[in-house]
């Protein structure tokens, strides 16, 4: 009986952890959707993600894939992202090729959240 109670207790803890992670994921999704609706904030986020990715990869050349809706925004922040990366690591800016053939899937629950292309 003690073993069954212990198992039940473990299951409750695991369920609570799962619920917490699910709630956090839902909140993060909503926040990203809100940020993606604000042109300037979203551009800043995209640039930060590109720089962060470059810092993790530390490669002289990379192929970048983005969502089709984000393509123009990504192109608009690419040079400044490359420069920021180069300054942080004291290296030459990397070559970044944006993939124009394969795009990441659109975000969940919104179609063209950015409205018309900028």
N, C-alpha and C. Protein backbone atom coordinates (compact mmCIF):
# COMPACT_ATOMS: atom_id res chain seq x y z
N UNK A 1 0.82 -1.20 0.00
CA UNK A 1 0.00 0.00 0.00
C UNK A 1 0.87 1.27 0.00
N UNK A 2 1.93 1.25 0.77
CA UNK A 2 2.84 2.40 0.81
C UNK A 2 3.41 2.66 -0.59
N UNK A 3 3.76 1.59 -1.29
CA UNK A 3 4.31 1.69 -2.63
C UNK A 3 3.30 2.34 -3.58
N UNK A 4 2.04 1.98 -3.45
CA UNK A 4 1.00 2.56 -4.30
C UNK A 4 0.83 4.04 -4.01
N UNK A 5 0.88 4.41 -2.72
CA UNK A 5 0.76 5.82 -2.34
C UNK A 5 1.94 6.62 -2.87
N UNK A 6 3.12 6.02 -2.76
CA UNK A 6 4.32 6.68 -3.26
C UNK A 6 4.23 6.90 -4.77
N UNK A 7 3.79 5.89 -5.49
CA UNK A 7 3.61 6.02 -6.94
C UNK A 7 2.57 7.08 -7.28
N UNK A 8 1.45 7.09 -6.56
CA UNK A 8 0.41 8.08 -6.79
C UNK A 8 0.95 9.48 -6.54
N UNK A 9 1.76 9.62 -5.51
CA UNK A 9 2.36 10.91 -5.19
C UNK A 9 3.31 11.35 -6.31
N UNK A 10 4.11 10.43 -6.80
CA UNK A 10 5.04 10.75 -7.90
C UNK A 10 4.27 11.16 -9.15
N UNK A 11 3.19 10.47 -9.43
CA UNK A 11 2.38 10.80 -10.60
C UNK A 11 1.80 12.20 -10.47
N UNK A 12 1.35 12.56 -9.26
CA UNK A 12 0.81 13.91 -9.03
C UNK A 12 1.88 14.96 -9.27
N UNK A 13 3.10 14.70 -8.78
CA UNK A 13 4.20 15.65 -8.97
C UNK A 13 4.51 15.79 -10.46
N UNK A 14 4.60 14.68 -11.17
CA UNK A 14 4.88 14.72 -12.60
C UNK A 14 3.78 15.45 -13.37
N UNK A 15 2.53 15.22 -12.98
CA UNK A 15 1.41 15.90 -13.64
C UNK A 15 1.47 17.41 -13.38
N UNK A 16 1.81 17.79 -12.15
CA UNK A 16 1.93 19.21 -11.82
C UNK A 16 3.06 19.85 -12.64
N UNK A 17 4.18 19.15 -12.77
CA UNK A 17 5.29 19.66 -13.58
C UNK A 17 4.87 19.80 -15.04
N UNK A 18 4.17 18.81 -15.55
CA UNK A 18 3.71 18.85 -16.93
C UNK A 18 2.74 20.02 -17.15
N UNK A 19 1.84 20.23 -16.20
CA UNK A 19 0.89 21.35 -16.29
C UNK A 19 1.64 22.68 -16.30
N UNK A 20 2.65 22.80 -15.45
CA UNK A 20 3.42 24.03 -15.36
C UNK A 20 4.14 24.31 -16.68
N UNK A 21 4.78 23.29 -17.24
CA UNK A 21 5.48 23.46 -18.51
C UNK A 21 4.49 23.82 -19.61
N UNK A 22 3.34 23.17 -19.64
CA UNK A 22 2.32 23.48 -20.65
C UNK A 22 1.85 24.93 -20.53
N UNK A 23 1.62 25.38 -19.30
CA UNK A 23 1.20 26.76 -19.08
C UNK A 23 2.27 27.75 -19.52
N UNK A 24 3.52 27.43 -19.22
CA UNK A 24 4.62 28.30 -19.63
C UNK A 24 4.74 28.37 -21.15
N UNK A 25 4.58 27.23 -21.81
CA UNK A 25 4.65 27.20 -23.27
C UNK A 25 3.52 28.03 -23.89
N UNK A 26 2.34 27.90 -23.32
CA UNK A 26 1.19 28.66 -23.83
C UNK A 26 1.41 30.16 -23.63
N UNK A 27 1.91 30.54 -22.46
CA UNK A 27 2.18 31.95 -22.19
C UNK A 27 3.26 32.49 -23.12
N UNK A 28 4.30 31.70 -23.35
CA UNK A 28 5.38 32.12 -24.25
C UNK A 28 4.86 32.28 -25.68
N UNK A 29 4.00 31.36 -26.11
CA UNK A 29 3.42 31.44 -27.45
C UNK A 29 2.61 32.73 -27.61
N UNK A 30 1.82 33.05 -26.61
CA UNK A 30 1.02 34.27 -26.66
C UNK A 30 1.91 35.50 -26.68
N UNK A 31 2.98 35.49 -25.90
CA UNK A 31 3.89 36.63 -25.85
C UNK A 31 4.60 36.82 -27.19
N UNK A 32 5.04 35.73 -27.79
CA UNK A 32 5.69 35.82 -29.10
C UNK A 32 4.71 36.34 -30.14
N UNK A 33 3.46 35.91 -30.07
CA UNK A 33 2.45 36.40 -30.99
C UNK A 33 2.26 37.91 -30.80
N UNK A 34 2.22 38.37 -29.55
CA UNK A 34 2.09 39.80 -29.28
C UNK A 34 3.29 40.57 -29.81
N UNK A 35 4.49 40.05 -29.58
CA UNK A 35 5.70 40.72 -30.06
C UNK A 35 5.71 40.75 -31.58
N UNK A 36 5.27 39.67 -32.21
CA UNK A 36 5.31 39.60 -33.67
C UNK A 36 4.36 40.62 -34.31
N UNK A 37 3.43 41.12 -33.56
CA UNK A 37 2.49 42.14 -34.08
C UNK A 37 3.09 43.54 -34.01
N UNK A 38 4.12 43.72 -33.18
CA UNK A 38 4.79 45.02 -33.04
C UNK A 38 6.04 44.99 -33.92
N UNK A 39 5.99 45.69 -35.02
CA UNK A 39 7.04 45.66 -36.03
C UNK A 39 8.44 45.87 -35.44
N UNK A 40 8.63 46.92 -34.67
CA UNK A 40 9.97 47.23 -34.14
C UNK A 40 10.44 46.19 -33.14
N UNK A 41 9.57 45.76 -32.26
CA UNK A 41 9.94 44.74 -31.27
C UNK A 41 10.28 43.43 -31.96
N UNK A 42 9.53 43.09 -32.99
CA UNK A 42 9.76 41.83 -33.68
C UNK A 42 11.07 41.86 -34.45
N UNK A 43 11.38 43.01 -35.08
CA UNK A 43 12.66 43.14 -35.77
C UNK A 43 13.81 42.97 -34.78
N UNK A 44 13.67 43.58 -33.62
CA UNK A 44 14.71 43.48 -32.59
C UNK A 44 14.86 42.02 -32.13
N UNK A 45 13.73 41.34 -31.96
CA UNK A 45 13.76 39.93 -31.56
C UNK A 45 14.45 39.08 -32.62
N UNK A 46 14.10 39.28 -33.89
CA UNK A 46 14.71 38.50 -34.97
C UNK A 46 16.22 38.73 -35.03
N UNK A 47 16.62 39.98 -34.92
CA UNK A 47 18.06 40.29 -34.94
C UNK A 47 18.76 39.59 -33.78
N UNK A 48 18.17 39.67 -32.60
CA UNK A 48 18.76 39.02 -31.43
C UNK A 48 18.88 37.52 -31.60
N UNK A 49 17.86 36.91 -32.19
CA UNK A 49 17.89 35.47 -32.42
C UNK A 49 18.97 35.09 -33.44
N UNK A 50 19.13 35.92 -34.46
CA UNK A 50 20.17 35.65 -35.46
C UNK A 50 21.55 35.75 -34.82
N UNK A 51 21.78 36.82 -34.06
CA UNK A 51 23.08 37.00 -33.39
C UNK A 51 23.35 35.85 -32.43
N UNK A 52 22.35 35.50 -31.65
CA UNK A 52 22.50 34.40 -30.69
C UNK A 52 22.84 33.10 -31.41
N UNK A 53 22.19 32.84 -32.52
CA UNK A 53 22.47 31.62 -33.29
C UNK A 53 23.89 31.64 -33.84
N UNK A 54 24.31 32.79 -34.35
CA UNK A 54 25.68 32.90 -34.86
C UNK A 54 26.70 32.66 -33.76
N UNK A 55 26.43 33.20 -32.58
CA UNK A 55 27.34 33.01 -31.45
C UNK A 55 27.43 31.54 -31.04
N UNK A 56 26.33 30.83 -31.15
CA UNK A 56 26.34 29.40 -30.82
C UNK A 56 27.08 28.59 -31.87
N UNK A 57 26.88 28.93 -33.13
CA UNK A 57 27.48 28.16 -34.22
C UNK A 57 28.97 28.47 -34.43
N UNK A 58 29.30 29.76 -34.33
CA UNK A 58 30.68 30.22 -34.56
C UNK A 58 31.26 29.69 -35.88
N UNK A 59 30.48 29.83 -36.93
CA UNK A 59 30.89 29.38 -38.26
C UNK A 59 31.10 30.60 -39.16
N UNK A 60 32.01 30.52 -40.12
CA UNK A 60 32.24 31.65 -41.02
C UNK A 60 31.14 31.82 -42.07
N UNK A 61 30.34 30.78 -42.29
CA UNK A 61 29.24 30.86 -43.26
C UNK A 61 28.08 29.99 -42.77
N UNK A 62 26.87 30.52 -42.90
CA UNK A 62 25.69 29.77 -42.45
C UNK A 62 24.55 29.93 -43.46
N UNK A 63 23.67 28.95 -43.46
CA UNK A 63 22.43 29.00 -44.23
C UNK A 63 21.32 29.29 -43.23
N UNK A 64 20.58 30.37 -43.45
CA UNK A 64 19.54 30.79 -42.52
C UNK A 64 18.18 30.49 -43.12
N UNK A 65 17.34 29.83 -42.34
CA UNK A 65 15.96 29.58 -42.75
C UNK A 65 15.04 30.34 -41.81
N UNK A 66 14.02 30.93 -42.39
CA UNK A 66 13.05 31.69 -41.60
C UNK A 66 11.65 31.40 -42.13
N UNK A 67 10.67 31.98 -41.46
CA UNK A 67 9.30 31.86 -41.96
C UNK A 67 9.17 32.76 -43.19
N UNK A 68 8.32 32.36 -44.11
CA UNK A 68 8.13 33.15 -45.33
C UNK A 68 7.68 34.58 -45.00
N UNK A 69 6.79 34.70 -44.02
CA UNK A 69 6.30 36.02 -43.62
C UNK A 69 7.40 36.90 -43.05
N UNK A 70 8.45 36.28 -42.52
CA UNK A 70 9.54 37.04 -41.87
C UNK A 70 10.69 37.35 -42.81
N UNK A 71 10.63 36.87 -44.03
CA UNK A 71 11.76 36.97 -44.95
C UNK A 71 12.27 38.40 -45.09
N UNK A 72 11.39 39.35 -45.35
CA UNK A 72 11.82 40.74 -45.55
C UNK A 72 12.38 41.35 -44.26
N UNK A 73 11.79 41.00 -43.13
CA UNK A 73 12.32 41.50 -41.86
C UNK A 73 13.71 40.94 -41.59
N UNK A 74 13.89 39.66 -41.85
CA UNK A 74 15.20 39.03 -41.65
C UNK A 74 16.23 39.72 -42.53
N UNK A 75 15.89 39.92 -43.79
CA UNK A 75 16.82 40.60 -44.70
C UNK A 75 17.18 41.99 -44.19
N UNK A 76 16.21 42.67 -43.59
CA UNK A 76 16.45 44.05 -43.14
C UNK A 76 17.36 44.13 -41.91
N UNK A 77 17.48 43.07 -41.13
CA UNK A 77 18.34 43.10 -39.94
C UNK A 77 19.63 42.30 -40.12
N UNK A 78 19.80 41.68 -41.25
CA UNK A 78 20.93 40.77 -41.47
C UNK A 78 22.29 41.45 -41.32
N UNK A 79 22.46 42.59 -41.98
CA UNK A 79 23.77 43.27 -41.92
C UNK A 79 24.12 43.69 -40.50
N UNK A 80 23.15 44.27 -39.79
CA UNK A 80 23.46 44.71 -38.43
C UNK A 80 23.70 43.51 -37.51
N UNK A 81 23.02 42.39 -37.75
CA UNK A 81 23.25 41.18 -36.95
C UNK A 81 24.66 40.65 -37.20
N UNK A 82 25.09 40.64 -38.47
CA UNK A 82 26.44 40.18 -38.80
C UNK A 82 27.49 41.07 -38.15
N UNK A 83 27.27 42.38 -38.18
CA UNK A 83 28.22 43.32 -37.58
C UNK A 83 28.29 43.14 -36.06
N UNK A 84 27.13 42.98 -35.44
CA UNK A 84 27.11 42.79 -33.99
C UNK A 84 27.87 41.52 -33.60
N UNK A 85 27.64 40.45 -34.34
CA UNK A 85 28.34 39.20 -34.10
C UNK A 85 29.85 39.40 -34.25
N UNK A 86 30.27 40.04 -35.34
CA UNK A 86 31.69 40.26 -35.61
C UNK A 86 32.34 41.09 -34.51
N UNK A 87 31.63 42.11 -34.03
CA UNK A 87 32.17 42.94 -32.95
C UNK A 87 32.32 42.16 -31.66
N UNK A 88 31.33 41.35 -31.34
CA UNK A 88 31.37 40.59 -30.09
C UNK A 88 32.52 39.59 -30.06
N UNK A 89 32.79 38.95 -31.20
CA UNK A 89 33.83 37.92 -31.24
C UNK A 89 35.15 38.42 -31.82
N UNK A 90 35.18 39.68 -32.26
CA UNK A 90 36.38 40.24 -32.88
C UNK A 90 36.83 39.39 -34.07
N UNK A 91 35.88 39.08 -34.95
CA UNK A 91 36.14 38.30 -36.15
C UNK A 91 35.52 39.01 -37.35
N UNK A 92 35.78 38.49 -38.53
CA UNK A 92 35.13 39.02 -39.73
C UNK A 92 33.66 38.64 -39.70
N UNK A 93 32.80 39.49 -40.25
CA UNK A 93 31.37 39.13 -40.32
C UNK A 93 31.19 37.84 -41.11
N UNK A 94 30.28 36.99 -40.67
CA UNK A 94 30.07 35.73 -41.38
C UNK A 94 29.28 35.94 -42.67
N UNK A 95 29.38 34.98 -43.54
CA UNK A 95 28.54 34.98 -44.74
C UNK A 95 27.23 34.29 -44.36
N UNK A 96 26.12 34.98 -44.57
CA UNK A 96 24.82 34.39 -44.26
C UNK A 96 24.01 34.32 -45.54
N UNK A 97 23.62 33.13 -45.88
CA UNK A 97 22.77 32.92 -47.06
C UNK A 97 21.37 32.60 -46.55
N UNK A 98 20.41 33.42 -46.95
CA UNK A 98 19.02 33.19 -46.57
C UNK A 98 18.42 32.23 -47.58
N UNK A 99 17.87 31.14 -47.08
CA UNK A 99 17.26 30.12 -47.95
C UNK A 99 15.95 30.66 -48.52
N UNK A 100 15.89 30.77 -49.84
CA UNK A 100 14.69 31.29 -50.51
C UNK A 100 13.80 30.16 -51.02
N UNK A 101 14.17 28.93 -50.73
CA UNK A 101 13.41 27.79 -51.24
C UNK A 101 12.68 27.01 -50.15
N UNK A 102 13.30 26.89 -49.01
CA UNK A 102 12.68 26.14 -47.91
C UNK A 102 12.48 27.11 -46.75
N UNK A 103 11.24 27.26 -46.33
CA UNK A 103 10.90 28.16 -45.23
C UNK A 103 10.45 27.37 -44.01
N UNK A 104 10.62 27.97 -42.85
CA UNK A 104 10.08 27.38 -41.63
C UNK A 104 8.57 27.48 -41.68
N UNK A 105 7.86 26.60 -40.97
CA UNK A 105 6.39 26.68 -40.99
C UNK A 105 5.90 27.95 -40.30
N UNK A 106 4.72 28.42 -40.68
CA UNK A 106 4.16 29.61 -40.02
C UNK A 106 3.87 29.32 -38.55
N UNK A 107 3.81 30.39 -37.77
CA UNK A 107 3.52 30.24 -36.35
C UNK A 107 2.14 29.68 -36.12
N UNK A 108 1.92 29.03 -34.98
CA UNK A 108 0.62 28.43 -34.70
C UNK A 108 -0.45 29.50 -34.47
N UNK A 109 -1.60 29.28 -35.04
CA UNK A 109 -2.77 30.09 -34.74
C UNK A 109 -2.83 31.46 -35.35
N UNK A 110 -1.90 31.81 -36.23
CA UNK A 110 -2.05 33.11 -36.89
C UNK A 110 -1.48 33.03 -38.29
N UNK A 111 -2.23 33.61 -39.21
CA UNK A 111 -1.80 33.64 -40.60
C UNK A 111 -1.45 35.07 -40.92
N UNK A 112 -0.23 35.27 -41.34
CA UNK A 112 0.26 36.59 -41.71
C UNK A 112 0.00 37.61 -40.60
N UNK A 113 0.50 37.31 -39.41
CA UNK A 113 0.28 38.17 -38.25
C UNK A 113 0.90 39.54 -38.43
N UNK A 114 1.82 39.67 -39.38
CA UNK A 114 2.49 40.95 -39.57
C UNK A 114 1.75 41.86 -40.53
N UNK A 115 0.65 41.38 -41.05
CA UNK A 115 -0.08 42.18 -42.01
C UNK A 115 0.68 42.19 -43.33
N UNK A 116 0.57 43.28 -44.08
CA UNK A 116 1.27 43.34 -45.36
C UNK A 116 2.78 43.35 -45.16
N UNK A 117 3.51 42.93 -46.17
CA UNK A 117 4.97 42.92 -46.08
C UNK A 117 5.47 44.34 -45.95
N UNK A 118 6.51 44.52 -45.15
CA UNK A 118 7.08 45.86 -44.95
C UNK A 118 8.15 46.13 -45.93
